[in-house]
Amino acid sequence: MALAIIGIDHVQIAVPEAQEAQCLDFYRKVLGLAEVEKPEHLKSRGGAWFQIGPTQMHVGIDPEPSPKSKRHICFLVGDLEAAKAEVVARGWPVENEGKAEGLIRFFVRDPAGNRIEIGQRA
């Protein structure tokens, strides 16, 4: 029997405790994500929650770093070139530009090495 999944409420990524401030600064200032208040009982765990359209991204804190990997989140934008220019202007290197399945995209990594895809539908 299928689960009849109808959508995604949120995704969570992890950043190491030692890089929490740098990573949250990246999501707040470089990507400009809208932060939403975490429930009171979860605030002591650190991290932050961000709202992107109907979906939230939660940044959780791990005691140790994770290895770099291909796992990623893809954020859609309306103007890929403007988004790329903004990321580069803020000092972040762009990697692996290209097109796949009708998505023009580039990747960037947060200070903890999490892979972030920024894309625009062709």
PDB file of N, CA and C in Angstrom:
ATOM      1  N   MET A   1       0.842  -1.184   0.000  1.00  0.00           N
ATOM      2  CA  MET A   1       0.000   0.000   0.000  1.00  0.00           C
ATOM      3  C   MET A   1       0.886   1.246   0.000  1.00  0.00           C
ATOM      4  N   ALA A   2       0.575   2.199  -0.864  1.00  0.00           N
ATOM      5  CA  ALA A   2       1.331   3.444  -0.938  1.00  0.00           C
ATOM      6  C   ALA A   2       0.999   4.343   0.249  1.00  0.00           C
ATOM      7  N   LEU A   3       1.916   5.184   0.616  1.00  0.00           N
ATOM      8  CA  LEU A   3       1.707   6.108   1.725  1.00  0.00           C
ATOM      9  C   LEU A   3       0.858   7.308   1.340  1.00  0.00           C
ATOM     10  N   ALA A   4       0.681   7.559   0.066  1.00  0.00           N
ATOM     11  CA  ALA A   4      -0.083   8.710  -0.424  1.00  0.00           C
ATOM     12  C   ALA A   4       0.511  10.033   0.062  1.00  0.00           C
ATOM     13  N   ILE A   5       1.818  10.147  -0.044  1.00  0.00           N
ATOM     14  CA  ILE A   5       2.513  11.379   0.345  1.00  0.00           C
ATOM     15  C   ILE A   5       2.062  12.502  -0.568  1.00  0.00           C
ATOM     16  N   ILE A   6       1.746  13.650   0.018  1.00  0.00           N
ATOM     17  CA  ILE A   6       1.199  14.765  -0.769  1.00  0.00           C
ATOM     18  C   ILE A   6       2.117  15.983  -0.830  1.00  0.00           C
ATOM     19  N   GLY A   7       3.237  15.968  -0.139  1.00  0.00           N
ATOM     20  CA  GLY A   7       4.125  17.122  -0.178  1.00  0.00           C
ATOM     21  C   GLY A   7       5.243  16.998   0.827  1.00  0.00           C
ATOM     22  N   ILE A   8       6.061  18.032   0.884  1.00  0.00           N
ATOM     23  CA  ILE A   8       7.158  18.100   1.845  1.00  0.00           C
ATOM     24  C   ILE A   8       6.909  19.288   2.759  1.00  0.00           C
ATOM     25  N   ASP A   9       6.862  19.049   4.050  1.00  0.00           N
ATOM     26  CA  ASP A   9       6.667  20.103   5.037  1.00  0.00           C
ATOM     27  C   ASP A   9       7.978  20.831   5.308  1.00  0.00           C
ATOM     28  N   HIS A  10       9.049  20.062   5.532  1.00  0.00           N
ATOM     29  CA  HIS A  10      10.351  20.664   5.788  1.00  0.00           C
ATOM     30  C   HIS A  10      11.460  19.677   5.478  1.00  0.00           C
ATOM     31  N   VAL A  11      12.647  20.222   5.308  1.00  0.00           N
ATOM     32  CA  VAL A  11      13.866  19.417   5.207  1.00  0.00           C
ATOM     33  C   VAL A  11      14.791  19.921   6.296  1.00  0.00           C
ATOM     34  N   GLN A  12      15.679  19.053   6.754  1.00  0.00           N
ATOM     35  CA  GLN A  12      16.638  19.484   7.760  1.00  0.00           C
ATOM     36  C   GLN A  12      18.038  19.141   7.279  1.00  0.00           C
ATOM     37  N   ILE A  13      18.923  20.093   7.457  1.00  0.00           N
ATOM     38  CA  ILE A  13      20.336  19.858   7.220  1.00  0.00           C
ATOM     39  C   ILE A  13      21.041  19.986   8.558  1.00  0.00           C
ATOM     40  N   ALA A  14      22.275  19.534   8.606  1.00  0.00           N
ATOM     41  CA  ALA A  14      23.048  19.622   9.844  1.00  0.00           C
ATOM     42  C   ALA A  14      24.338  20.387   9.597  1.00  0.00           C
ATOM     43  N   VAL A  15      24.714  21.174  10.584  1.00  0.00           N
ATOM     44  CA  VAL A  15      25.994  21.874  10.556  1.00  0.00           C
ATOM     45  C   VAL A  15      26.696  21.604  11.881  1.00  0.00           C
ATOM     46  N   PRO A  16      28.027  21.588  11.863  1.00  0.00           N
ATOM     47  CA  PRO A  16      28.733  21.320  13.116  1.00  0.00           C
ATOM     48  C   PRO A  16      28.617  22.496  14.074  1.00  0.00           C
ATOM     49  N   GLU A  17      28.565  22.176  15.335  1.00  0.00           N
ATOM     50  CA  GLU A  17      28.418  23.184  16.380  1.00  0.00           C
ATOM     51  C   GLU A  17      29.460  24.295  16.253  1.00  0.00           C
ATOM     52  N   ALA A  18      30.696  23.934  15.905  1.00  0.00           N
ATOM     53  CA  ALA A  18      31.768  24.921  15.806  1.00  0.00           C
ATOM     54  C   ALA A  18      31.562  25.916  14.658  1.00  0.00           C
ATOM     55  N   GLN A  19      30.707  25.577  13.695  1.00  0.00           N
ATOM     56  CA  GLN A  19      30.475  26.463  12.550  1.00  0.00           C
ATOM     57  C   GLN A  19      29.046  26.997  12.507  1.00  0.00           C
ATOM     58  N   GLU A  20      28.321  26.867  13.597  1.00  0.00           N
ATOM     59  CA  GLU A  20      26.924  27.291  13.621  1.00  0.00           C
ATOM     60  C   GLU A  20      26.759  28.751  13.193  1.00  0.00           C
ATOM     61  N   ALA A  21      27.498  29.660  13.795  1.00  0.00           N
ATOM     62  CA  ALA A  21      27.334  31.088  13.490  1.00  0.00           C
ATOM     63  C   ALA A  21      27.646  31.388  12.032  1.00  0.00           C
ATOM     64  N   GLN A  22      28.735  30.814  11.506  1.00  0.00           N
ATOM     65  CA  GLN A  22      29.097  31.040  10.100  1.00  0.00           C
ATOM     66  C   GLN A  22      28.022  30.517   9.159  1.00  0.00           C
ATOM     67  N   CYS A  23      27.514  29.342   9.454  1.00  0.00           N
ATOM     68  CA  CYS A  23      26.511  28.730   8.579  1.00  0.00           C
ATOM     69  C   CYS A  23      25.197  29.495   8.620  1.00  0.00           C
ATOM     70  N   LEU A  24      24.758  29.885   9.811  1.00  0.00           N
ATOM     71  CA  LEU A  24      23.512  30.642   9.894  1.00  0.00           C
ATOM     72  C   LEU A  24      23.654  31.987   9.201  1.00  0.00           C
ATOM     73  N   ASP A  25      24.835  32.598   9.293  1.00  0.00           N
ATOM     74  CA  ASP A  25      25.104  33.844   8.590  1.00  0.00           C
ATOM     75  C   ASP A  25      24.997  33.635   7.073  1.00  0.00           C
ATOM     76  N   PHE A  26      25.493  32.512   6.580  1.00  0.00           N
ATOM     77  CA  PHE A  26      25.405  32.171   5.158  1.00  0.00           C
ATOM     78  C   PHE A  26      23.941  32.112   4.712  1.00  0.00           C
ATOM     79  N   TYR A  27      23.109  31.409   5.454  1.00  0.00           N
ATOM     80  CA  TYR A  27      21.701  31.258   5.061  1.00  0.00           C
ATOM     81  C   TYR A  27      20.926  32.568   5.222  1.00  0.00           C
ATOM     82  N   ARG A  28      21.257  33.329   6.240  1.00  0.00           N
ATOM     83  CA  ARG A  28      20.575  34.613   6.463  1.00  0.00           C
ATOM     84  C   ARG A  28      21.032  35.684   5.476  1.00  0.00           C
ATOM     85  N   LYS A  29      22.337  35.820   5.299  1.00  0.00           N
ATOM     86  CA  LYS A  29      22.868  36.960   4.546  1.00  0.00           C
ATOM     87  C   LYS A  29      23.237  36.652   3.106  1.00  0.00           C
ATOM     88  N   VAL A  30      23.854  35.519   2.839  1.00  0.00           N
ATOM     89  CA  VAL A  30      24.248  35.203   1.467  1.00  0.00           C
ATOM     90  C   VAL A  30      23.029  34.751   0.665  1.00  0.00           C
ATOM     91  N   LEU A  31      22.262  33.787   1.209  1.00  0.00           N
ATOM     92  CA  LEU A  31      21.083  33.324   0.489  1.00  0.00           C
ATOM     93  C   LEU A  31      19.851  34.170   0.780  1.00  0.00           C
ATOM     94  N   GLY A  32      19.867  34.925   1.867  1.00  0.00           N
ATOM     95  CA  GLY A  32      18.745  35.804   2.190  1.00  0.00           C
ATOM     96  C   GLY A  32      17.456  35.080   2.536  1.00  0.00           C
ATOM     97  N   LEU A  33      17.556  33.914   3.172  1.00  0.00           N
ATOM     98  CA  LEU A  33      16.354  33.159   3.528  1.00  0.00           C
ATOM     99  C   LEU A  33      15.609  33.838   4.673  1.00  0.00           C
ATOM    100  N   ALA A  34      14.301  33.715   4.644  1.00  0.00           N
ATOM    101  CA  ALA A  34      13.443  34.295   5.684  1.00  0.00           C
ATOM    102  C   ALA A  34      13.405  33.359   6.889  1.00  0.00           C
ATOM    103  N   GLU A  35      13.906  33.842   8.016  1.00  0.00           N
ATOM    104  CA  GLU A  35      13.937  33.026   9.233  1.00  0.00           C
ATOM    105  C   GLU A  35      12.596  33.093   9.941  1.00  0.00           C
ATOM    106  N   VAL A  36      12.171  31.941  10.456  1.00  0.00           N
ATOM    107  CA  VAL A  36      10.955  31.876  11.272  1.00  0.00           C
ATOM    108  C   VAL A  36      11.352  31.426  12.670  1.00  0.00           C
ATOM    109  N   GLU A  37      10.578  31.834  13.638  1.00  0.00           N
ATOM    110  CA  GLU A  37      10.909  31.511  15.026  1.00  0.00           C
ATOM    111  C   GLU A  37      10.681  30.027  15.304  1.00  0.00           C
ATOM    112  N   LYS A  38      11.663  29.441  15.964  1.00  0.00           N
ATOM    113  CA  LYS A  38      11.540  28.045  16.380  1.00  0.00           C
ATOM    114  C   LYS A  38      10.629  27.970  17.600  1.00  0.00           C
ATOM    115  N   PRO A  39       9.973  26.837  17.808  1.00  0.00           N
ATOM    116  CA  PRO A  39       9.206  26.667  19.040  1.00  0.00           C
ATOM    117  C   PRO A  39      10.110  26.835  20.265  1.00  0.00           C
ATOM    118  N   GLU A  40       9.584  27.402  21.310  1.00  0.00           N
ATOM    119  CA  GLU A  40      10.349  27.715  22.520  1.00  0.00           C
ATOM    120  C   GLU A  40      11.128  26.512  23.034  1.00  0.00           C
ATOM    121  N   HIS A  41      10.508  25.332  23.050  1.00  0.00           N
ATOM    122  CA  HIS A  41      11.167  24.152  23.617  1.00  0.00           C
ATOM    123  C   HIS A  41      12.318  23.627  22.748  1.00  0.00           C
ATOM    124  N   LEU A  42      12.485  24.146  21.530  1.00  0.00           N
ATOM    125  CA  LEU A  42      13.582  23.710  20.655  1.00  0.00           C
ATOM    126  C   LEU A  42      14.712  24.733  20.532  1.00  0.00           C
ATOM    127  N   LYS A  43      14.507  25.933  21.038  1.00  0.00           N
ATOM    128  CA  LYS A  43      15.506  26.999  20.894  1.00  0.00           C
ATOM    129  C   LYS A  43      16.845  26.645  21.527  1.00  0.00           C
ATOM    130  N   SER A  44      16.828  25.912  22.631  1.00  0.00           N
ATOM    131  CA  SER A  44      18.082  25.583  23.329  1.00  0.00           C
ATOM    132  C   SER A  44      18.972  24.637  22.523  1.00  0.00           C
ATOM    133  N   ARG A  45      18.439  24.014  21.488  1.00  0.00           N
ATOM    134  CA  ARG A  45      19.225  23.100  20.645  1.00  0.00           C
ATOM    135  C   ARG A  45      20.074  23.832  19.615  1.00  0.00           C
ATOM    136  N   GLY A  46      19.863  25.144  19.479  1.00  0.00           N
ATOM    137  CA  GLY A  46      20.602  25.907  18.483  1.00  0.00           C
ATOM    138  C   GLY A  46      19.999  25.763  17.100  1.00  0.00           C
ATOM    139  N   GLY A  47      20.728  26.237  16.113  1.00  0.00           N
ATOM    140  CA  GLY A  47      20.240  26.168  14.741  1.00  0.00           C
ATOM    141  C   GLY A  47      19.186  27.223  14.466  1.00  0.00           C
ATOM    142  N   ALA A  48      18.500  27.053  13.365  1.00  0.00           N
ATOM    143  CA  ALA A  48      17.472  28.007  12.958  1.00  0.00           C
ATOM    144  C   ALA A  48      16.530  27.346  11.967  1.00  0.00           C
ATOM    145  N   TRP A  49      15.358  27.955  11.802  1.00  0.00           N
ATOM    146  CA  TRP A  49      14.378  27.514  10.812  1.00  0.00           C
ATOM    147  C   TRP A  49      14.163  28.632   9.808  1.00  0.00           C
ATOM    148  N   PHE A  50      14.037  28.250   8.545  1.00  0.00           N
ATOM    149  CA  PHE A  50      13.813  29.211   7.476  1.00  0.00           C
ATOM    150  C   PHE A  50      12.592  28.792   6.661  1.00  0.00           C
ATOM    151  N   GLN A  51      11.844  29.773   6.186  1.00  0.00           N
ATOM    152  CA  GLN A  51      10.652  29.521   5.380  1.00  0.00           C
ATOM    153  C   GLN A  51      10.964  29.846   3.932  1.00  0.00           C
ATOM    154  N   ILE A  52      10.721  28.889   3.037  1.00  0.00           N
ATOM    155  CA  ILE A  52      10.912  29.071   1.608  1.00  0.00           C
ATOM    156  C   ILE A  52       9.605  28.642   0.949  1.00  0.00           C
ATOM    157  N   GLY A  53       8.779  29.615   0.576  1.00  0.00           N
ATOM    158  CA  GLY A  53       7.464  29.269   0.045  1.00  0.00           C
ATOM    159  C   GLY A  53       6.695  28.473   1.084  1.00  0.00           C
ATOM    160  N   PRO A  54       6.073  27.369   0.678  1.00  0.00           N
ATOM    161  CA  PRO A  54       5.304  26.569   1.644  1.00  0.00           C
ATOM    162  C   PRO A  54       6.151  25.587   2.456  1.00  0.00           C
ATOM    163  N   THR A  55       7.455  25.555   2.201  1.00  0.00           N
ATOM    164  CA  THR A  55       8.337  24.570   2.824  1.00  0.00           C
ATOM    165  C   THR A  55       9.329  25.244   3.766  1.00  0.00           C
ATOM    166  N   GLN A  56       9.668  24.551   4.840  1.00  0.00           N
ATOM    167  CA  GLN A  56      10.685  25.056   5.755  1.00  0.00           C
ATOM    168  C   GLN A  56      11.968  24.256   5.600  1.00  0.00           C
ATOM    169  N   MET A  57      13.084  24.935   5.866  1.00  0.00           N
ATOM    170  CA  MET A  57      14.371  24.277   5.975  1.00  0.00           C
ATOM    171  C   MET A  57      14.853  24.500   7.401  1.00  0.00           C
ATOM    172  N   HIS A  58      15.143  23.427   8.081  1.00  0.00           N
ATOM    173  CA  HIS A  58      15.631  23.494   9.451  1.00  0.00           C
ATOM    174  C   HIS A  58      17.130  23.237   9.442  1.00  0.00           C
ATOM    175  N   VAL A  59      17.878  24.074  10.127  1.00  0.00           N
ATOM    176  CA  VAL A  59      19.316  23.883  10.283  1.00  0.00           C
ATOM    177  C   VAL A  59      19.530  23.379  11.698  1.00  0.00           C
ATOM    178  N   GLY A  60      19.936  22.118  11.805  1.00  0.00           N
ATOM    179  CA  GLY A  60      20.200  21.512  13.096  1.00  0.00           C
ATOM    180  C   GLY A  60      21.690  21.507  13.381  1.00  0.00           C
ATOM    181  N   ILE A  61      22.023  21.305  14.633  1.00  0.00           N
ATOM    182  CA  ILE A  61      23.414  21.348  15.069  1.00  0.00           C
ATOM    183  C   ILE A  61      23.884  19.944  15.449  1.00  0.00           C
ATOM    184  N   ASP A  62      25.028  19.548  14.876  1.00  0.00           N
ATOM    185  CA  ASP A  62      25.679  18.289  15.223  1.00  0.00           C
ATOM    186  C   ASP A  62      26.978  18.614  15.961  1.00  0.00           C
ATOM    187  N   PRO A  63      27.405  17.740  16.854  1.00  0.00           N
ATOM    188  CA  PRO A  63      28.644  18.027  17.580  1.00  0.00           C
ATOM    189  C   PRO A  63      29.883  17.977  16.679  1.00  0.00           C
ATOM    190  N   GLU A  64      29.864  17.183  15.622  1.00  0.00           N
ATOM    191  CA  GLU A  64      31.020  16.997  14.737  1.00  0.00           C
ATOM    192  C   GLU A  64      30.652  17.315  13.293  1.00  0.00           C
ATOM    193  N   PRO A  65      31.636  17.655  12.470  1.00  0.00           N
ATOM    194  CA  PRO A  65      31.366  17.893  11.051  1.00  0.00           C
ATOM    195  C   PRO A  65      31.024  16.599  10.322  1.00  0.00           C
ATOM    196  N   SER A  66      30.325  16.734   9.205  1.00  0.00           N
ATOM    197  CA  SER A  66      30.018  15.606   8.322  1.00  0.00           C
ATOM    198  C   SER A  66      30.910  15.719   7.093  1.00  0.00           C
ATOM    199  N   PRO A  67      31.202  14.602   6.448  1.00  0.00           N
ATOM    200  CA  PRO A  67      32.015  14.681   5.234  1.00  0.00           C
ATOM    201  C   PRO A  67      31.231  15.331   4.092  1.00  0.00           C
ATOM    202  N   LYS A  68      31.944  15.952   3.156  1.00  0.00           N
ATOM    203  CA  LYS A  68      31.297  16.498   1.971  1.00  0.00           C
ATOM    204  C   LYS A  68      30.634  15.360   1.215  1.00  0.00           C
ATOM    205  N   SER A  69      29.509  15.664   0.575  1.00  0.00           N
ATOM    206  CA  SER A  69      28.828  14.645  -0.208  1.00  0.00           C
ATOM    207  C   SER A  69      28.051  15.317  -1.332  1.00  0.00           C
ATOM    208  N   LYS A  70      27.390  14.502  -2.135  1.00  0.00           N
ATOM    209  CA  LYS A  70      26.556  15.019  -3.222  1.00  0.00           C
ATOM    210  C   LYS A  70      25.146  15.373  -2.743  1.00  0.00           C
ATOM    211  N   ARG A  71      24.753  14.944  -1.557  1.00  0.00           N
ATOM    212  CA  ARG A  71      23.397  15.257  -1.095  1.00  0.00           C
ATOM    213  C   ARG A  71      23.252  16.770  -1.055  1.00  0.00           C
ATOM    214  N   HIS A  72      22.047  17.243  -1.355  1.00  0.00           N
ATOM    215  CA  HIS A  72      21.868  18.688  -1.466  1.00  0.00           C
ATOM    216  C   HIS A  72      20.397  19.073  -1.424  1.00  0.00           C
ATOM    217  N   ILE A  73      20.191  20.359  -1.281  1.00  0.00           N
ATOM    218  CA  ILE A  73      18.887  21.002  -1.422  1.00  0.00           C
ATOM    219  C   ILE A  73      18.972  21.826  -2.688  1.00  0.00           C
ATOM    220  N   CYS A  74      17.883  21.891  -3.432  1.00  0.00           N
ATOM    221  CA  CYS A  74      17.833  22.744  -4.618  1.00  0.00           C
ATOM    222  C   CYS A  74      16.845  23.877  -4.368  1.00  0.00           C
ATOM    223  N   PHE A  75      17.346  25.108  -4.404  1.00  0.00           N
ATOM    224  CA  PHE A  75      16.496  26.291  -4.292  1.00  0.00           C
ATOM    225  C   PHE A  75      16.230  26.819  -5.692  1.00  0.00           C
ATOM    226  N   LEU A  76      14.964  27.062  -6.013  1.00  0.00           N
ATOM    227  CA  LEU A  76      14.600  27.625  -7.309  1.00  0.00           C
ATOM    228  C   LEU A  76      14.592  29.138  -7.240  1.00  0.00           C
ATOM    229  N   VAL A  77      15.069  29.772  -8.303  1.00  0.00           N
ATOM    230  CA  VAL A  77      15.068  31.230  -8.416  1.00  0.00           C
ATOM    231  C   VAL A  77      14.446  31.611  -9.756  1.00  0.00           C
ATOM    232  N   GLY A  78      14.013  32.853  -9.859  1.00  0.00           N
ATOM    233  CA  GLY A  78      13.445  33.354 -11.096  1.00  0.00           C
ATOM    234  C   GLY A  78      14.489  33.879 -12.055  1.00  0.00           C
ATOM    235  N   ASP A  79      15.654  34.277 -11.544  1.00  0.00           N
ATOM    236  CA  ASP A  79      16.716  34.841 -12.375  1.00  0.00           C
ATOM    237  C   ASP A  79      18.044  34.252 -11.906  1.00  0.00           C
ATOM    238  N   LEU A  80      18.471  33.199 -12.581  1.00  0.00           N
ATOM    239  CA  LEU A  80      19.668  32.473 -12.165  1.00  0.00           C
ATOM    240  C   LEU A  80      20.919  33.340 -12.252  1.00  0.00           C
ATOM    241  N   GLU A  81      21.044  34.121 -13.302  1.00  0.00           N
ATOM    242  CA  GLU A  81      22.239  34.956 -13.451  1.00  0.00           C
ATOM    243  C   GLU A  81      22.343  35.988 -12.329  1.00  0.00           C
ATOM    244  N   ALA A  82      21.218  36.584 -11.951  1.00  0.00           N
ATOM    245  CA  ALA A  82      21.228  37.552 -10.845  1.00  0.00           C
ATOM    246  C   ALA A  82      21.580  36.856  -9.531  1.00  0.00           C
ATOM    247  N   ALA A  83      21.039  35.664  -9.321  1.00  0.00           N
ATOM    248  CA  ALA A  83      21.346  34.914  -8.103  1.00  0.00           C
ATOM    249  C   ALA A  83      22.831  34.562  -8.056  1.00  0.00           C
ATOM    250  N   LYS A  84      23.373  34.111  -9.175  1.00  0.00           N
ATOM    251  CA  LYS A  84      24.790  33.763  -9.246  1.00  0.00           C
ATOM    252  C   LYS A  84      25.657  34.994  -8.980  1.00  0.00           C
ATOM    253  N   ALA A  85      25.298  36.118  -9.575  1.00  0.00           N
ATOM    254  CA  ALA A  85      26.064  37.351  -9.368  1.00  0.00           C
ATOM    255  C   ALA A  85      26.053  37.752  -7.896  1.00  0.00           C
ATOM    256  N   GLU A  86      24.925  37.585  -7.229  1.00  0.00           N
ATOM    257  CA  GLU A  86      24.821  37.942  -5.811  1.00  0.00           C
ATOM    258  C   GLU A  86      25.687  37.026  -4.950  1.00  0.00           C
ATOM    259  N   VAL A  87      25.653  35.731  -5.222  1.00  0.00           N
ATOM    260  CA  VAL A  87      26.466  34.777  -4.459  1.00  0.00           C
ATOM    261  C   VAL A  87      27.959  35.087  -4.646  1.00  0.00           C
ATOM    262  N   VAL A  88      28.365  35.313  -5.884  1.00  0.00           N
ATOM    263  CA  VAL A  88      29.772  35.620  -6.173  1.00  0.00           C
ATOM    264  C   VAL A  88      30.175  36.946  -5.535  1.00  0.00           C
ATOM    265  N   ALA A  89      29.300  37.942  -5.595  1.00  0.00           N
ATOM    266  CA  ALA A  89      29.603  39.248  -5.000  1.00  0.00           C
ATOM    267  C   ALA A  89      29.796  39.140  -3.492  1.00  0.00           C
ATOM    268  N   ARG A  90      29.176  38.160  -2.880  1.00  0.00           N
ATOM    269  CA  ARG A  90      29.322  37.958  -1.442  1.00  0.00           C
ATOM    270  C   ARG A  90      30.497  37.044  -1.100  1.00  0.00           C
ATOM    271  N   GLY A  91      31.295  36.691  -2.126  1.00  0.00           N
ATOM    272  CA  GLY A  91      32.536  35.959  -1.888  1.00  0.00           C
ATOM    273  C   GLY A  91      32.444  34.453  -1.878  1.00  0.00           C
ATOM    274  N   TRP A  92      31.374  33.884  -2.420  1.00  0.00           N
ATOM    275  CA  TRP A  92      31.228  32.437  -2.388  1.00  0.00           C
ATOM    276  C   TRP A  92      31.505  31.845  -3.754  1.00  0.00           C
ATOM    277  N   PRO A  93      32.397  30.860  -3.837  1.00  0.00           N
ATOM    278  CA  PRO A  93      32.705  30.252  -5.127  1.00  0.00           C
ATOM    279  C   PRO A  93      31.561  29.384  -5.638  1.00  0.00           C
ATOM    280  N   VAL A  94      31.337  29.489  -6.925  1.00  0.00           N
ATOM    281  CA  VAL A  94      30.312  28.690  -7.604  1.00  0.00           C
ATOM    282  C   VAL A  94      31.001  27.470  -8.189  1.00  0.00           C
ATOM    283  N   GLU A  95      30.321  26.333  -8.103  1.00  0.00           N
ATOM    284  CA  GLU A  95      30.881  25.113  -8.678  1.00  0.00           C
ATOM    285  C   GLU A  95      29.836  24.384  -9.518  1.00  0.00           C
ATOM    286  N   ASN A  96      30.286  23.591 -10.446  1.00  0.00           N
ATOM    287  CA  ASN A  96      29.443  22.696 -11.240  1.00  0.00           C
ATOM    288  C   ASN A  96      28.228  23.360 -11.873  1.00  0.00           C
ATOM    289  N   GLU A  97      28.454  24.348 -12.707  1.00  0.00           N
ATOM    290  CA  GLU A  97      27.361  24.959 -13.442  1.00  0.00           C
ATOM    291  C   GLU A  97      26.918  24.010 -14.547  1.00  0.00           C
ATOM    292  N   GLY A  98      25.655  24.101 -14.936  1.00  0.00           N
ATOM    293  CA  GLY A  98      25.189  23.263 -16.033  1.00  0.00           C
ATOM    294  C   GLY A  98      23.691  23.194 -16.112  1.00  0.00           C
ATOM    295  N   LYS A  99      23.219  22.185 -16.835  1.00  0.00           N
ATOM    296  CA  LYS A  99      21.793  21.988 -17.049  1.00  0.00           C
ATOM    297  C   LYS A  99      21.483  20.506 -16.901  1.00  0.00           C
ATOM    298  N   ALA A 100      20.381  20.199 -16.238  1.00  0.00           N
ATOM    299  CA  ALA A 100      19.944  18.812 -16.075  1.00  0.00           C
ATOM    300  C   ALA A 100      18.429  18.783 -15.950  1.00  0.00           C
ATOM    301  N   GLU A 101      17.809  17.933 -16.740  1.00  0.00           N
ATOM    302  CA  GLU A 101      16.356  17.749 -16.696  1.00  0.00           C
ATOM    303  C   GLU A 101      15.589  19.070 -16.718  1.00  0.00           C
ATOM    304  N   GLY A 102      15.967  19.976 -17.599  1.00  0.00           N
ATOM    305  CA  GLY A 102      15.264  21.248 -17.737  1.00  0.00           C
ATOM    306  C   GLY A 102      15.563  22.267 -16.654  1.00  0.00           C
ATOM    307  N   LEU A 103      16.592  22.030 -15.863  1.00  0.00           N
ATOM    308  CA  LEU A 103      16.970  22.935 -14.796  1.00  0.00           C
ATOM    309  C   LEU A 103      18.365  23.486 -15.085  1.00  0.00           C
ATOM    310  N   ILE A 104      18.465  24.795 -15.257  1.00  0.00           N
ATOM    311  CA  ILE A 104      19.769  25.445 -15.385  1.00  0.00           C
ATOM    312  C   ILE A 104      20.210  25.724 -13.955  1.00  0.00           C
ATOM    313  N   ARG A 105      21.473  25.428 -13.627  1.00  0.00           N
ATOM    314  CA  ARG A 105      21.832  25.464 -12.202  1.00  0.00           C
ATOM    315  C   ARG A 105      23.298  25.715 -11.959  1.00  0.00           C
ATOM    316  N   PHE A 106      23.580  26.013 -10.691  1.00  0.00           N
ATOM    317  CA  PHE A 106      24.943  26.013 -10.176  1.00  0.00           C
ATOM    318  C   PHE A 106      24.883  25.537  -8.742  1.00  0.00           C
ATOM    319  N   PHE A 107      26.033  25.172  -8.221  1.00  0.00           N
ATOM    320  CA  PHE A 107      26.128  24.709  -6.839  1.00  0.00           C
ATOM    321  C   PHE A 107      27.064  25.620  -6.058  1.00  0.00           C
ATOM    322  N   VAL A 108      26.806  25.714  -4.772  1.00  0.00           N
ATOM    323  CA  VAL A 108      27.646  26.441  -3.829  1.00  0.00           C
ATOM    324  C   VAL A 108      27.631  25.613  -2.539  1.00  0.00           C
ATOM    325  N   ARG A 109      28.636  25.764  -1.726  1.00  0.00           N
ATOM    326  CA  ARG A 109      28.658  25.048  -0.444  1.00  0.00           C
ATOM    327  C   ARG A 109      28.623  26.045   0.701  1.00  0.00           C
ATOM    328  N   ASP A 110      27.871  25.690   1.759  1.00  0.00           N
ATOM    329  CA  ASP A 110      27.862  26.540   2.945  1.00  0.00           C
ATOM    330  C   ASP A 110      29.181  26.343   3.695  1.00  0.00           C
ATOM    331  N   PRO A 111      29.442  27.112   4.752  1.00  0.00           N
ATOM    332  CA  PRO A 111      30.722  26.983   5.464  1.00  0.00           C
ATOM    333  C   PRO A 111      30.992  25.581   6.016  1.00  0.00           C
ATOM    334  N   ALA A 112      29.947  24.790   6.231  1.00  0.00           N
ATOM    335  CA  ALA A 112      30.125  23.430   6.743  1.00  0.00           C
ATOM    336  C   ALA A 112      30.310  22.408   5.631  1.00  0.00           C
ATOM    337  N   GLY A 113      30.214  22.842   4.368  1.00  0.00           N
ATOM    338  CA  GLY A 113      30.382  21.922   3.246  1.00  0.00           C
ATOM    339  C   GLY A 113      29.090  21.363   2.690  1.00  0.00           C
ATOM    340  N   ASN A 114      27.936  21.766   3.249  1.00  0.00           N
ATOM    341  CA  ASN A 114      26.663  21.310   2.694  1.00  0.00           C
ATOM    342  C   ASN A 114      26.514  21.852   1.278  1.00  0.00           C
ATOM    343  N   ARG A 115      26.109  20.996   0.367  1.00  0.00           N
ATOM    344  CA  ARG A 115      25.974  21.362  -1.044  1.00  0.00           C
ATOM    345  C   ARG A 115      24.602  21.982  -1.275  1.00  0.00           C
ATOM    346  N   ILE A 116      24.580  23.151  -1.892  1.00  0.00           N
ATOM    347  CA  ILE A 116      23.349  23.872  -2.185  1.00  0.00           C
ATOM    348  C   ILE A 116      23.271  24.077  -3.692  1.00  0.00           C
ATOM    349  N   GLU A 117      22.184  23.621  -4.282  1.00  0.00           N
ATOM    350  CA  GLU A 117      21.936  23.833  -5.713  1.00  0.00           C
ATOM    351  C   GLU A 117      21.003  25.032  -5.856  1.00  0.00           C
ATOM    352  N   ILE A 118      21.346  25.927  -6.762  1.00  0.00           N
ATOM    353  CA  ILE A 118      20.488  27.067  -7.086  1.00  0.00           C
ATOM    354  C   ILE A 118      20.106  26.867  -8.547  1.00  0.00           C
ATOM    355  N   GLY A 119      18.803  26.820  -8.824  1.00  0.00           N
ATOM    356  CA  GLY A 119      18.390  26.504 -10.186  1.00  0.00           C
ATOM    357  C   GLY A 119      17.221  27.334 -10.675  1.00  0.00           C
ATOM    358  N   GLN A 120      17.083  27.338 -11.981  1.00  0.00           N
ATOM    359  CA  GLN A 120      15.972  28.014 -12.659  1.00  0.00           C
ATOM    360  C   GLN A 120      15.477  27.070 -13.743  1.00  0.00           C
ATOM    361  N   ARG A 121      14.172  26.885 -13.816  1.00  0.00           N
ATOM    362  CA  ARG A 121      13.589  26.042 -14.859  1.00  0.00           C
ATOM    363  C   ARG A 121      13.784  26.704 -16.210  1.00  0.00           C
ATOM    364  N   ALA A 122      14.259  25.923 -17.181  1.00  0.00           N
ATOM    365  CA  ALA A 122      14.515  26.441 -18.535  1.00  0.00           C
ATOM    366  C   ALA A 122      13.198  26.681 -19.278  1.00  0.00           C
TER     367      ALA A 122
END
